Amino acid sequence: MKTNEELVNYLIGTGALKSLNIIRAMSKIDRKDFVGSECESFAYDDSPCSIGYGQTISQPTTVAFIMEQLQPQEGERILDIGYGSGWTTAILASIVGDGGRVFAIELISILKKFGENNAKKYKFQNITFIEGDGSRGLAREAPFDRILVSAAAPSLPSSLKEQLKISGRLVIPVGRGMQSIYVIERIGEKAYKKKKIPGFVFVELKMKRKKRMNRTERL
């Protein structure tokens, strides 16, 4: 594939992309604007690509899939954890519009600047970029309508689901090696609904300490 339009049409054709608002956003946000120079010649391939520091810009099919699971909507407040290249951040910012806000967290300082500069090509005014440990969420801005984690946690940090609004949704890959994506919906003050989708491989979610995260739970 040689253009972003061809990539989006491919994702629609495979069934990975279904929702009109996500299709519109991924059509507007050109993947080539978010890859490094070494990946420009195959920016529209359906494959991940390294952005350095052990991180990647995810495979387009995977991004389409997690967006469909997240189901972001106009006007929402969304937390985007481990944003890396900034591609998912820009897609989300396009979807939520001026009435919403995306809080984007990246731990690796150089990637924080890389992703922020990429997203700024679109002149969004509804993104807050933060350098920090996303495994703990962003309590000061909670609650959120949606939380997206784009790297795999060893276990589910309880703090993330607790930062959801009631009816909010968290999408997070969990595990080591072959991982599963978990879709967690908050349906009450202390009640959650959970769906497990196996068969994925994500890079590891970077944390400030190589310790077991505080307050995790079995899945």
N, C-alpha and C. Protein backbone atom coordinates (compact mmCIF):
# COMPACT_ATOMS: atom_id res chain seq x y z
N MET A 1 0.84 -1.19 0.00
CA MET A 1 0.00 0.00 0.00
C MET A 1 0.88 1.25 0.00
N LYS A 2 0.45 2.24 -0.79
CA LYS A 2 1.30 3.42 -0.99
C LYS A 2 0.71 4.70 -0.44
N THR A 3 -0.54 4.67 0.00
CA THR A 3 -1.16 5.87 0.55
C THR A 3 -1.95 5.52 1.80
N ASN A 4 -2.24 6.53 2.60
CA ASN A 4 -3.06 6.31 3.79
C ASN A 4 -4.47 5.89 3.41
N GLU A 5 -4.97 6.43 2.31
CA GLU A 5 -6.31 6.04 1.84
C GLU A 5 -6.36 4.55 1.52
N GLU A 6 -5.32 4.05 0.85
CA GLU A 6 -5.28 2.62 0.54
C GLU A 6 -5.23 1.79 1.82
N LEU A 7 -4.48 2.26 2.81
CA LEU A 7 -4.39 1.55 4.08
C LEU A 7 -5.74 1.48 4.77
N VAL A 8 -6.44 2.60 4.83
CA VAL A 8 -7.75 2.63 5.49
C VAL A 8 -8.74 1.74 4.74
N ASN A 9 -8.73 1.79 3.43
CA ASN A 9 -9.62 0.93 2.64
C ASN A 9 -9.31 -0.55 2.87
N TYR A 10 -8.04 -0.87 3.01
CA TYR A 10 -7.64 -2.24 3.32
C TYR A 10 -8.21 -2.66 4.68
N LEU A 11 -8.11 -1.80 5.68
CA LEU A 11 -8.61 -2.12 7.02
C LEU A 11 -10.12 -2.27 7.03
N ILE A 12 -10.80 -1.47 6.22
CA ILE A 12 -12.25 -1.63 6.09
C ILE A 12 -12.57 -2.96 5.42
N GLY A 13 -11.82 -3.28 4.38
CA GLY A 13 -12.06 -4.52 3.63
C GLY A 13 -11.85 -5.77 4.45
N THR A 14 -10.89 -5.74 5.38
CA THR A 14 -10.64 -6.91 6.22
C THR A 14 -11.63 -7.00 7.39
N GLY A 15 -12.42 -5.95 7.60
CA GLY A 15 -13.35 -5.94 8.72
C GLY A 15 -12.77 -5.39 10.01
N ALA A 16 -11.49 -4.97 9.96
CA ALA A 16 -10.87 -4.43 11.17
C ALA A 16 -11.47 -3.08 11.55
N LEU A 17 -11.81 -2.28 10.54
CA LEU A 17 -12.43 -0.97 10.76
C LEU A 17 -13.91 -1.04 10.40
N LYS A 18 -14.76 -0.59 11.34
CA LYS A 18 -16.20 -0.66 11.11
C LYS A 18 -16.92 0.65 11.44
N SER A 19 -16.49 1.31 12.49
CA SER A 19 -17.21 2.49 12.99
C SER A 19 -16.85 3.73 12.18
N LEU A 20 -17.88 4.47 11.78
CA LEU A 20 -17.67 5.61 10.89
C LEU A 20 -16.76 6.67 11.50
N ASN A 21 -16.92 6.94 12.80
CA ASN A 21 -16.09 7.99 13.41
C ASN A 21 -14.62 7.59 13.46
N ILE A 22 -14.35 6.31 13.64
CA ILE A 22 -12.96 5.84 13.65
C ILE A 22 -12.40 5.83 12.23
N ILE A 23 -13.21 5.44 11.27
CA ILE A 23 -12.78 5.47 9.87
C ILE A 23 -12.42 6.89 9.45
N ARG A 24 -13.26 7.84 9.82
CA ARG A 24 -12.99 9.24 9.47
C ARG A 24 -11.68 9.73 10.09
N ALA A 25 -11.48 9.38 11.37
CA ALA A 25 -10.27 9.83 12.06
C ALA A 25 -9.02 9.20 11.47
N MET A 26 -9.06 7.91 11.19
CA MET A 26 -7.89 7.24 10.63
C MET A 26 -7.63 7.66 9.19
N SER A 27 -8.67 8.15 8.51
CA SER A 27 -8.48 8.70 7.16
C SER A 27 -7.81 10.07 7.23
N LYS A 28 -8.14 10.83 8.25
CA LYS A 28 -7.59 12.18 8.41
C LYS A 28 -6.14 12.15 8.91
N ILE A 29 -5.85 11.21 9.82
CA ILE A 29 -4.54 11.15 10.46
C ILE A 29 -3.64 10.19 9.68
N ASP A 30 -2.68 10.74 8.96
CA ASP A 30 -1.83 9.95 8.06
C ASP A 30 -0.73 9.25 8.86
N ARG A 31 -0.69 7.93 8.76
CA ARG A 31 0.30 7.16 9.54
C ARG A 31 1.73 7.58 9.23
N LYS A 32 1.99 8.01 8.01
CA LYS A 32 3.36 8.37 7.63
C LYS A 32 3.89 9.53 8.47
N ASP A 33 3.00 10.35 9.01
CA ASP A 33 3.42 11.47 9.85
C ASP A 33 3.92 11.03 11.22
N PHE A 34 3.83 9.74 11.52
CA PHE A 34 4.14 9.26 12.87
C PHE A 34 5.24 8.20 12.91
N VAL A 35 5.77 7.85 11.76
CA VAL A 35 6.87 6.87 11.73
C VAL A 35 8.20 7.61 11.66
N GLY A 36 9.26 6.92 12.05
CA GLY A 36 10.60 7.49 11.91
C GLY A 36 11.05 7.44 10.46
N SER A 37 12.14 8.11 10.16
CA SER A 37 12.63 8.20 8.78
C SER A 37 12.95 6.83 8.19
N GLU A 38 13.37 5.89 9.04
CA GLU A 38 13.73 4.56 8.54
C GLU A 38 12.51 3.75 8.11
N CYS A 39 11.32 4.20 8.49
CA CYS A 39 10.10 3.45 8.16
C CYS A 39 9.25 4.14 7.10
N GLU A 40 9.67 5.29 6.64
CA GLU A 40 8.82 6.07 5.73
C GLU A 40 8.44 5.31 4.47
N SER A 41 9.35 4.50 3.95
CA SER A 41 9.10 3.81 2.69
C SER A 41 8.05 2.71 2.82
N PHE A 42 7.79 2.26 4.04
CA PHE A 42 6.73 1.27 4.23
C PHE A 42 5.78 1.69 5.35
N ALA A 43 5.49 2.98 5.39
CA ALA A 43 4.61 3.53 6.43
C ALA A 43 3.19 2.98 6.33
N TYR A 44 2.79 2.54 5.14
CA TYR A 44 1.41 2.08 4.95
C TYR A 44 1.31 0.56 4.92
N ASP A 45 2.39 -0.13 5.23
CA ASP A 45 2.32 -1.59 5.37
C ASP A 45 1.55 -1.94 6.64
N ASP A 46 0.90 -3.09 6.61
CA ASP A 46 0.18 -3.54 7.80
C ASP A 46 1.14 -4.29 8.72
N SER A 47 2.06 -3.55 9.29
CA SER A 47 3.07 -4.14 10.16
C SER A 47 3.54 -3.09 11.16
N PRO A 48 4.03 -3.54 12.33
CA PRO A 48 4.60 -2.59 13.28
C PRO A 48 5.95 -2.09 12.77
N CYS A 49 6.42 -1.01 13.36
CA CYS A 49 7.73 -0.47 12.97
C CYS A 49 8.39 0.15 14.19
N SER A 50 9.67 -0.07 14.34
CA SER A 50 10.40 0.45 15.49
C SER A 50 10.46 1.98 15.46
N ILE A 51 10.28 2.58 16.65
CA ILE A 51 10.50 4.01 16.81
C ILE A 51 11.64 4.26 17.81
N GLY A 52 12.36 3.17 18.13
CA GLY A 52 13.50 3.28 19.03
C GLY A 52 13.14 3.00 20.47
N TYR A 53 14.18 2.75 21.28
CA TYR A 53 14.04 2.55 22.72
C TYR A 53 13.14 1.35 23.05
N GLY A 54 13.17 0.35 22.17
CA GLY A 54 12.38 -0.86 22.39
C GLY A 54 10.90 -0.69 22.16
N GLN A 55 10.49 0.39 21.53
CA GLN A 55 9.08 0.67 21.30
C GLN A 55 8.77 0.67 19.80
N THR A 56 7.50 0.52 19.47
CA THR A 56 7.07 0.48 18.08
C THR A 56 5.84 1.35 17.86
N ILE A 57 5.62 1.71 16.60
CA ILE A 57 4.30 2.17 16.19
C ILE A 57 3.56 0.90 15.79
N SER A 58 2.39 0.69 16.35
CA SER A 58 1.71 -0.60 16.23
C SER A 58 1.23 -0.88 14.82
N GLN A 59 1.02 -2.16 14.55
CA GLN A 59 0.45 -2.62 13.29
C GLN A 59 -0.92 -1.95 13.09
N PRO A 60 -1.21 -1.42 11.91
CA PRO A 60 -2.50 -0.76 11.68
C PRO A 60 -3.72 -1.62 12.01
N THR A 61 -3.67 -2.91 11.69
CA THR A 61 -4.80 -3.78 12.04
C THR A 61 -5.03 -3.80 13.54
N THR A 62 -3.95 -3.82 14.31
CA THR A 62 -4.08 -3.83 15.77
C THR A 62 -4.65 -2.52 16.27
N VAL A 63 -4.18 -1.40 15.72
CA VAL A 63 -4.71 -0.10 16.13
C VAL A 63 -6.20 0.01 15.81
N ALA A 64 -6.58 -0.43 14.62
CA ALA A 64 -8.00 -0.42 14.27
C ALA A 64 -8.81 -1.28 15.24
N PHE A 65 -8.27 -2.43 15.59
CA PHE A 65 -8.97 -3.34 16.50
C PHE A 65 -9.16 -2.72 17.88
N ILE A 66 -8.09 -2.14 18.43
CA ILE A 66 -8.22 -1.59 19.78
C ILE A 66 -9.11 -0.34 19.78
N MET A 67 -9.10 0.41 18.71
CA MET A 67 -10.02 1.54 18.62
C MET A 67 -11.47 1.07 18.59
N GLU A 68 -11.73 0.01 17.86
CA GLU A 68 -13.09 -0.54 17.81
C GLU A 68 -13.52 -1.08 19.17
N GLN A 69 -12.59 -1.65 19.92
CA GLN A 69 -12.91 -2.12 21.26
C GLN A 69 -13.12 -0.95 22.23
N LEU A 70 -12.35 0.11 22.05
CA LEU A 70 -12.45 1.28 22.93
C LEU A 70 -13.73 2.07 22.68
N GLN A 71 -14.12 2.18 21.43
CA GLN A 71 -15.31 2.94 21.01
C GLN A 71 -15.31 4.38 21.54
N PRO A 72 -14.28 5.16 21.23
CA PRO A 72 -14.25 6.56 21.65
C PRO A 72 -15.33 7.37 20.95
N GLN A 73 -15.83 8.40 21.64
CA GLN A 73 -16.91 9.21 21.11
C GLN A 73 -16.60 10.70 21.25
N GLU A 74 -17.26 11.49 20.45
CA GLU A 74 -17.09 12.95 20.50
C GLU A 74 -17.38 13.48 21.90
N GLY A 75 -16.56 14.42 22.35
CA GLY A 75 -16.79 15.08 23.63
C GLY A 75 -16.22 14.37 24.84
N GLU A 76 -15.61 13.20 24.64
CA GLU A 76 -15.13 12.42 25.79
C GLU A 76 -13.76 12.88 26.27
N ARG A 77 -13.47 12.51 27.53
CA ARG A 77 -12.14 12.69 28.12
C ARG A 77 -11.46 11.32 28.11
N ILE A 78 -10.30 11.27 27.45
CA ILE A 78 -9.64 9.98 27.23
C ILE A 78 -8.20 10.05 27.71
N LEU A 79 -7.78 8.98 28.38
CA LEU A 79 -6.39 8.82 28.82
C LEU A 79 -5.70 7.85 27.88
N ASP A 80 -4.61 8.29 27.24
CA ASP A 80 -3.86 7.48 26.29
C ASP A 80 -2.48 7.20 26.89
N ILE A 81 -2.25 5.96 27.30
CA ILE A 81 -1.05 5.59 28.05
C ILE A 81 -0.03 4.90 27.15
N GLY A 82 1.21 5.37 27.19
CA GLY A 82 2.27 4.81 26.36
C GLY A 82 2.09 5.18 24.91
N TYR A 83 1.93 6.49 24.64
CA TYR A 83 1.52 6.91 23.31
C TYR A 83 2.62 6.83 22.26
N GLY A 84 3.90 6.81 22.68
CA GLY A 84 4.98 6.56 21.73
C GLY A 84 5.02 7.50 20.54
N SER A 85 4.62 7.02 19.38
CA SER A 85 4.68 7.80 18.14
C SER A 85 3.67 8.94 18.11
N GLY A 86 2.61 8.84 18.92
CA GLY A 86 1.56 9.85 18.92
C GLY A 86 0.41 9.54 17.97
N TRP A 87 0.49 8.43 17.24
CA TRP A 87 -0.55 8.11 16.25
C TRP A 87 -1.91 7.89 16.91
N THR A 88 -1.96 7.06 17.94
CA THR A 88 -3.25 6.83 18.61
C THR A 88 -3.76 8.11 19.25
N THR A 89 -2.86 8.92 19.80
CA THR A 89 -3.26 10.18 20.42
C THR A 89 -3.96 11.08 19.41
N ALA A 90 -3.38 11.21 18.23
CA ALA A 90 -3.97 12.06 17.19
C ALA A 90 -5.31 11.51 16.71
N ILE A 91 -5.40 10.20 16.55
CA ILE A 91 -6.68 9.59 16.15
C ILE A 91 -7.75 9.91 17.20
N LEU A 92 -7.41 9.73 18.47
CA LEU A 92 -8.37 10.00 19.54
C LEU A 92 -8.75 11.47 19.60
N ALA A 93 -7.77 12.35 19.43
CA ALA A 93 -8.05 13.79 19.46
C ALA A 93 -8.99 14.19 18.33
N SER A 94 -8.82 13.57 17.17
CA SER A 94 -9.71 13.83 16.04
C SER A 94 -11.14 13.39 16.36
N ILE A 95 -11.27 12.26 17.04
CA ILE A 95 -12.59 11.72 17.35
C ILE A 95 -13.30 12.55 18.42
N VAL A 96 -12.61 12.89 19.50
CA VAL A 96 -13.30 13.58 20.61
C VAL A 96 -13.62 15.03 20.27
N GLY A 97 -12.86 15.63 19.36
CA GLY A 97 -13.16 16.99 18.92
C GLY A 97 -12.87 18.05 19.96
N ASP A 98 -13.30 19.27 19.66
CA ASP A 98 -13.00 20.40 20.54
C ASP A 98 -13.69 20.29 21.89
N GLY A 99 -14.78 19.55 21.95
CA GLY A 99 -15.50 19.40 23.22
C GLY A 99 -14.93 18.33 24.12
N GLY A 100 -13.95 17.58 23.65
CA GLY A 100 -13.32 16.53 24.45
C GLY A 100 -11.87 16.87 24.73
N ARG A 101 -11.20 15.92 25.39
CA ARG A 101 -9.77 16.13 25.67
C ARG A 101 -9.08 14.78 25.78
N VAL A 102 -7.85 14.73 25.26
CA VAL A 102 -7.00 13.54 25.36
C VAL A 102 -5.81 13.88 26.25
N PHE A 103 -5.61 13.06 27.27
CA PHE A 103 -4.44 13.18 28.15
C PHE A 103 -3.49 12.05 27.75
N ALA A 104 -2.34 12.42 27.21
CA ALA A 104 -1.41 11.44 26.64
C ALA A 104 -0.16 11.35 27.51
N ILE A 105 0.15 10.13 28.00
CA ILE A 105 1.28 9.92 28.90
C ILE A 105 2.33 9.04 28.23
N GLU A 106 3.58 9.45 28.32
CA GLU A 106 4.70 8.65 27.82
C GLU A 106 5.86 8.79 28.80
N LEU A 107 6.43 7.65 29.20
CA LEU A 107 7.51 7.65 30.20
C LEU A 107 8.87 8.04 29.61
N ILE A 108 9.14 7.61 28.38
CA ILE A 108 10.46 7.83 27.78
C ILE A 108 10.52 9.25 27.22
N SER A 109 11.41 10.05 27.77
CA SER A 109 11.44 11.48 27.47
C SER A 109 11.59 11.78 25.98
N ILE A 110 12.50 11.09 25.30
CA ILE A 110 12.72 11.35 23.88
C ILE A 110 11.50 10.97 23.05
N LEU A 111 10.84 9.87 23.41
CA LEU A 111 9.62 9.48 22.70
C LEU A 111 8.47 10.42 23.02
N LYS A 112 8.44 10.93 24.24
CA LYS A 112 7.41 11.92 24.59
C LYS A 112 7.48 13.10 23.63
N LYS A 113 8.69 13.58 23.38
CA LYS A 113 8.87 14.72 22.47
C LYS A 113 8.58 14.32 21.03
N PHE A 114 9.01 13.10 20.65
CA PHE A 114 8.78 12.61 19.29
C PHE A 114 7.29 12.54 18.98
N GLY A 115 6.53 11.88 19.85
CA GLY A 115 5.10 11.74 19.63
C GLY A 115 4.37 13.07 19.68
N GLU A 116 4.78 13.93 20.61
CA GLU A 116 4.16 15.25 20.72
C GLU A 116 4.39 16.07 19.45
N ASN A 117 5.61 16.06 18.95
CA ASN A 117 5.91 16.80 17.72
C ASN A 117 5.14 16.25 16.52
N ASN A 118 4.98 14.93 16.47
CA ASN A 118 4.20 14.33 15.39
C ASN A 118 2.75 14.79 15.43
N ALA A 119 2.14 14.71 16.61
CA ALA A 119 0.73 15.08 16.74
C ALA A 119 0.52 16.57 16.49
N LYS A 120 1.52 17.38 16.81
CA LYS A 120 1.39 18.83 16.62
C LYS A 120 1.30 19.23 15.15
N LYS A 121 1.64 18.32 14.26
CA LYS A 121 1.48 18.60 12.82
C LYS A 121 0.02 18.87 12.48
N TYR A 122 -0.89 18.39 13.33
CA TYR A 122 -2.32 18.54 13.08
C TYR A 122 -2.94 19.68 13.87
N LYS A 123 -2.12 20.40 14.64
CA LYS A 123 -2.54 21.61 15.34
C LYS A 123 -3.75 21.39 16.26
N PHE A 124 -3.80 20.24 16.90
CA PHE A 124 -4.86 19.99 17.87
C PHE A 124 -4.68 20.89 19.08
N GLN A 125 -5.80 21.35 19.62
CA GLN A 125 -5.80 22.14 20.85
C GLN A 125 -6.41 21.36 22.02
N ASN A 126 -6.67 20.09 21.81
CA ASN A 126 -7.38 19.30 22.83
C ASN A 126 -6.54 18.13 23.36
N ILE A 127 -5.22 18.28 23.32
CA ILE A 127 -4.32 17.24 23.84
C ILE A 127 -3.44 17.83 24.93
N THR A 128 -3.33 17.11 26.04
CA THR A 128 -2.37 17.43 27.09
C THR A 128 -1.31 16.33 27.10
N PHE A 129 -0.06 16.68 26.83
CA PHE A 129 1.04 15.71 26.81
C PHE A 129 1.74 15.71 28.16
N ILE A 130 2.00 14.52 28.69
CA ILE A 130 2.57 14.37 30.02
C ILE A 130 3.70 13.35 29.96
N GLU A 131 4.82 13.67 30.59
CA GLU A 131 5.89 12.70 30.74
C GLU A 131 5.74 12.04 32.11
N GLY A 132 5.54 10.72 32.13
CA GLY A 132 5.35 10.06 33.40
C GLY A 132 5.04 8.59 33.26
N ASP A 133 4.81 7.95 34.40
CA ASP A 133 4.53 6.52 34.49
C ASP A 133 3.04 6.28 34.33
N GLY A 134 2.65 5.88 33.14
CA GLY A 134 1.23 5.69 32.85
C GLY A 134 0.59 4.51 33.54
N SER A 135 1.40 3.59 34.08
CA SER A 135 0.82 2.42 34.76
C SER A 135 -0.01 2.83 35.97
N ARG A 136 0.19 4.05 36.45
CA ARG A 136 -0.55 4.55 37.60
C ARG A 136 -1.74 5.42 37.20
N GLY A 137 -1.91 5.59 35.91
CA GLY A 137 -2.99 6.43 35.44
C GLY A 137 -2.68 7.90 35.64
N LEU A 138 -3.72 8.69 35.80
CA LEU A 138 -3.59 10.13 36.00
C LEU A 138 -4.72 10.58 36.92
N ALA A 139 -4.56 10.27 38.20
CA ALA A 139 -5.64 10.46 39.17
C ALA A 139 -6.12 11.91 39.23
N ARG A 140 -5.21 12.86 39.03
CA ARG A 140 -5.62 14.27 39.18
C ARG A 140 -6.60 14.72 38.11
N GLU A 141 -6.68 13.99 37.00
CA GLU A 141 -7.61 14.35 35.93
C GLU A 141 -8.78 13.37 35.82
N ALA A 142 -8.79 12.35 36.65
CA ALA A 142 -9.86 11.35 36.61
C ALA A 142 -11.18 11.97 37.10
N PRO A 143 -12.32 11.38 36.70
CA PRO A 143 -12.47 10.14 35.95
C PRO A 143 -12.46 10.36 34.44
N PHE A 144 -12.23 9.26 33.73
CA PHE A 144 -12.15 9.28 32.27
C PHE A 144 -13.27 8.45 31.65
N ASP A 145 -13.69 8.86 30.46
CA ASP A 145 -14.66 8.06 29.70
C ASP A 145 -14.01 6.82 29.11
N ARG A 146 -12.76 6.98 28.69
CA ARG A 146 -12.03 5.89 28.07
C ARG A 146 -10.56 5.95 28.50
N ILE A 147 -9.96 4.77 28.67
CA ILE A 147 -8.53 4.67 28.92
C ILE A 147 -7.97 3.63 27.95
N LEU A 148 -6.95 4.04 27.19
CA LEU A 148 -6.28 3.14 26.25
C LEU A 148 -4.84 2.96 26.69
N VAL A 149 -4.42 1.70 26.79
CA VAL A 149 -3.02 1.38 27.09
C VAL A 149 -2.46 0.66 25.86
N SER A 150 -1.39 1.20 25.30
CA SER A 150 -0.86 0.68 24.03
C SER A 150 0.39 -0.17 24.21
N ALA A 151 0.64 -0.64 25.43
CA ALA A 151 1.75 -1.56 25.71
C ALA A 151 1.28 -2.51 26.80
N ALA A 152 1.93 -3.67 26.88
CA ALA A 152 1.43 -4.74 27.75
C ALA A 152 1.91 -4.59 29.19
N ALA A 153 0.96 -4.60 30.11
CA ALA A 153 1.27 -4.63 31.54
C ALA A 153 1.37 -6.09 31.99
N PRO A 154 2.22 -6.39 32.97
CA PRO A 154 2.31 -7.77 33.46
C PRO A 154 1.03 -8.23 34.15
N SER A 155 0.31 -7.28 34.74
CA SER A 155 -0.99 -7.55 35.37
C SER A 155 -1.79 -6.26 35.32
N LEU A 156 -3.05 -6.33 35.69
CA LEU A 156 -3.92 -5.16 35.58
C LEU A 156 -3.75 -4.24 36.78
N PRO A 157 -3.30 -3.01 36.59
CA PRO A 157 -3.24 -2.06 37.70
C PRO A 157 -4.65 -1.63 38.11
N SER A 158 -5.02 -1.90 39.35
CA SER A 158 -6.37 -1.56 39.81
C SER A 158 -6.66 -0.07 39.67
N SER A 159 -5.63 0.75 39.80
CA SER A 159 -5.84 2.20 39.74
C SER A 159 -6.42 2.64 38.40
N LEU A 160 -6.13 1.92 37.33
CA LEU A 160 -6.63 2.33 36.03
C LEU A 160 -8.14 2.17 35.95
N LYS A 161 -8.66 1.02 36.31
CA LYS A 161 -10.10 0.84 36.19
C LYS A 161 -10.85 1.72 37.19
N GLU A 162 -10.21 2.04 38.31
CA GLU A 162 -10.83 2.92 39.29
C GLU A 162 -10.89 4.36 38.81
N GLN A 163 -10.13 4.70 37.77
CA GLN A 163 -10.16 6.05 37.22
C GLN A 163 -11.15 6.21 36.08
N LEU A 164 -11.94 5.16 35.83
CA LEU A 164 -13.01 5.23 34.83
C LEU A 164 -14.26 5.86 35.41
N LYS A 165 -14.99 6.58 34.57
CA LYS A 165 -16.35 6.96 34.92
C LYS A 165 -17.22 5.71 34.90
N ILE A 166 -18.35 5.76 35.58
CA ILE A 166 -19.32 4.68 35.42
C ILE A 166 -19.80 4.72 33.97
N SER A 167 -19.79 3.59 33.33
CA SER A 167 -20.03 3.36 31.90
C SER A 167 -18.76 3.59 31.07
N GLY A 168 -17.64 3.92 31.73
CA GLY A 168 -16.38 4.09 31.04
C GLY A 168 -15.75 2.76 30.65
N ARG A 169 -14.75 2.82 29.78
CA ARG A 169 -14.15 1.59 29.24
C ARG A 169 -12.62 1.70 29.21
N LEU A 170 -11.97 0.63 29.63
CA LEU A 170 -10.51 0.49 29.61
C LEU A 170 -10.13 -0.62 28.64
N VAL A 171 -9.18 -0.35 27.76
CA VAL A 171 -8.63 -1.38 26.86
C VAL A 171 -7.14 -1.48 27.15
N ILE A 172 -6.70 -2.69 27.53
CA ILE A 172 -5.31 -2.87 27.95
C ILE A 172 -4.81 -4.27 27.60
N PRO A 173 -3.63 -4.39 26.98
CA PRO A 173 -3.02 -5.71 26.81
C PRO A 173 -2.32 -6.12 28.10
N VAL A 174 -2.46 -7.39 28.45
CA VAL A 174 -1.90 -7.89 29.71
C VAL A 174 -1.18 -9.21 29.46
N GLY A 175 -0.01 -9.35 30.10
CA GLY A 175 0.71 -10.61 30.05
C GLY A 175 2.11 -10.45 29.48
N ARG A 176 2.81 -11.56 29.46
CA ARG A 176 4.15 -11.61 28.87
C ARG A 176 4.15 -12.63 27.74
N GLY A 177 5.00 -12.43 26.74
CA GLY A 177 4.99 -13.33 25.59
C GLY A 177 3.72 -13.10 24.79
N MET A 178 2.95 -14.16 24.57
CA MET A 178 1.66 -14.01 23.91
C MET A 178 0.67 -13.43 24.92
N GLN A 179 0.05 -12.32 24.57
CA GLN A 179 -0.78 -11.58 25.51
C GLN A 179 -2.25 -11.60 25.12
N SER A 180 -3.06 -11.10 26.03
CA SER A 180 -4.48 -10.93 25.77
C SER A 180 -4.84 -9.46 25.95
N ILE A 181 -5.77 -8.99 25.13
CA ILE A 181 -6.35 -7.67 25.33
C ILE A 181 -7.57 -7.82 26.23
N TYR A 182 -7.63 -7.00 27.26
CA TYR A 182 -8.78 -6.98 28.15
C TYR A 182 -9.58 -5.70 27.91
N VAL A 183 -10.88 -5.87 27.78
CA VAL A 183 -11.80 -4.74 27.67
C VAL A 183 -12.63 -4.73 28.94
N ILE A 184 -12.46 -3.68 29.73
CA ILE A 184 -13.08 -3.61 31.05
C ILE A 184 -14.02 -2.41 31.08
N GLU A 185 -15.28 -2.65 31.38
CA GLU A 185 -16.28 -1.60 31.48
C GLU A 185 -16.70 -1.43 32.94
N ARG A 186 -16.78 -0.20 33.36
CA ARG A 186 -17.26 0.08 34.71
C ARG A 186 -18.77 0.22 34.66
N ILE A 187 -19.48 -0.68 35.33
CA ILE A 187 -20.94 -0.69 35.27
C ILE A 187 -21.58 -0.26 36.58
N GLY A 188 -20.76 0.03 37.58
CA GLY A 188 -21.26 0.50 38.87
C GLY A 188 -20.11 1.03 39.70
N GLU A 189 -20.40 1.52 40.90
CA GLU A 189 -19.35 2.10 41.73
C GLU A 189 -18.21 1.12 41.96
N LYS A 190 -18.55 -0.15 42.19
CA LYS A 190 -17.52 -1.17 42.41
C LYS A 190 -17.73 -2.39 41.52
N ALA A 191 -18.47 -2.20 40.44
CA ALA A 191 -18.81 -3.32 39.56
C ALA A 191 -18.22 -3.09 38.16
N TYR A 192 -17.64 -4.15 37.62
CA TYR A 192 -16.98 -4.07 36.31
C TYR A 192 -17.35 -5.29 35.47
N LYS A 193 -17.41 -5.09 34.18
CA LYS A 193 -17.62 -6.18 33.23
C LYS A 193 -16.33 -6.35 32.44
N LYS A 194 -15.93 -7.59 32.20
CA LYS A 194 -14.61 -7.86 31.62
C LYS A 194 -14.72 -8.80 30.43
N LYS A 195 -13.96 -8.48 29.37
CA LYS A 195 -13.87 -9.35 28.20
C LYS A 195 -12.40 -9.59 27.89
N LYS A 196 -12.03 -10.82 27.61
CA LYS A 196 -10.65 -11.20 27.30
C LYS A 196 -10.56 -11.63 25.84
N ILE A 197 -9.58 -11.06 25.12
CA ILE A 197 -9.37 -11.39 23.72
C ILE A 197 -7.91 -11.82 23.56
N PRO A 198 -7.62 -13.11 23.44
CA PRO A 198 -6.24 -13.58 23.38
C PRO A 198 -5.61 -13.45 22.00
N GLY A 199 -4.27 -13.61 21.97
CA GLY A 199 -3.58 -13.74 20.70
C GLY A 199 -2.88 -12.50 20.18
N PHE A 200 -2.31 -11.69 21.09
CA PHE A 200 -1.64 -10.45 20.68
C PHE A 200 -0.23 -10.40 21.24
N VAL A 201 0.61 -9.59 20.60
CA VAL A 201 1.95 -9.33 21.11
C VAL A 201 2.20 -7.82 21.07
N PHE A 202 2.38 -7.24 22.24
CA PHE A 202 2.70 -5.82 22.37
C PHE A 202 4.06 -5.68 23.04
N VAL A 203 4.68 -4.51 22.88
CA VAL A 203 5.88 -4.23 23.65
C VAL A 203 5.49 -4.04 25.11
N GLU A 204 6.48 -4.15 25.97
CA GLU A 204 6.25 -4.04 27.42
C GLU A 204 5.93 -2.61 27.82
N LEU A 205 4.96 -2.46 28.72
CA LEU A 205 4.64 -1.15 29.28
C LEU A 205 5.77 -0.72 30.20
N LYS A 206 6.41 0.40 29.88
CA LYS A 206 7.53 0.88 30.68
C LYS A 206 7.03 1.52 31.97
N MET A 207 7.73 1.20 33.07
CA MET A 207 7.39 1.77 34.37
C MET A 207 8.65 2.31 35.02
N LYS A 208 8.48 3.18 36.00
CA LYS A 208 9.64 3.80 36.64
C LYS A 208 10.45 2.79 37.43
N ARG A 209 9.79 1.77 37.97
CA ARG A 209 10.51 0.77 38.76
C ARG A 209 10.22 -0.61 38.19
N LYS A 210 11.21 -1.44 38.21
CA LYS A 210 11.02 -2.83 37.81
C LYS A 210 10.53 -3.64 39.01
N LYS A 211 9.47 -3.17 39.59
CA LYS A 211 8.87 -3.85 40.73
C LYS A 211 7.45 -4.21 40.37
N ARG A 212 6.89 -5.05 41.19
CA ARG A 212 5.49 -5.37 41.00
C ARG A 212 4.68 -4.11 41.24
N MET A 213 3.73 -3.83 40.36
CA MET A 213 2.93 -2.64 40.50
C MET A 213 2.07 -2.71 41.75
N ASN A 214 1.87 -1.58 42.39
CA ASN A 214 1.00 -1.52 43.54
C ASN A 214 -0.43 -1.83 43.11
N ARG A 215 -1.12 -2.60 43.94
CA ARG A 215 -2.54 -2.87 43.77
C ARG A 215 -2.87 -3.37 42.37
N THR A 216 -2.44 -4.57 42.11
CA THR A 216 -2.82 -5.23 40.87
C THR A 216 -3.81 -6.33 41.21
N GLU A 217 -4.40 -6.92 40.19
CA GLU A 217 -5.36 -7.98 40.44
C GLU A 217 -5.18 -9.10 39.44
N ARG A 218 -5.62 -10.26 39.82
CA ARG A 218 -5.59 -11.40 38.90
C ARG A 218 -6.71 -11.26 37.90
N LEU A 219 -6.43 -11.78 36.69
CA LEU A 219 -7.43 -11.66 35.62
C LEU A 219 -7.93 -13.03 35.18
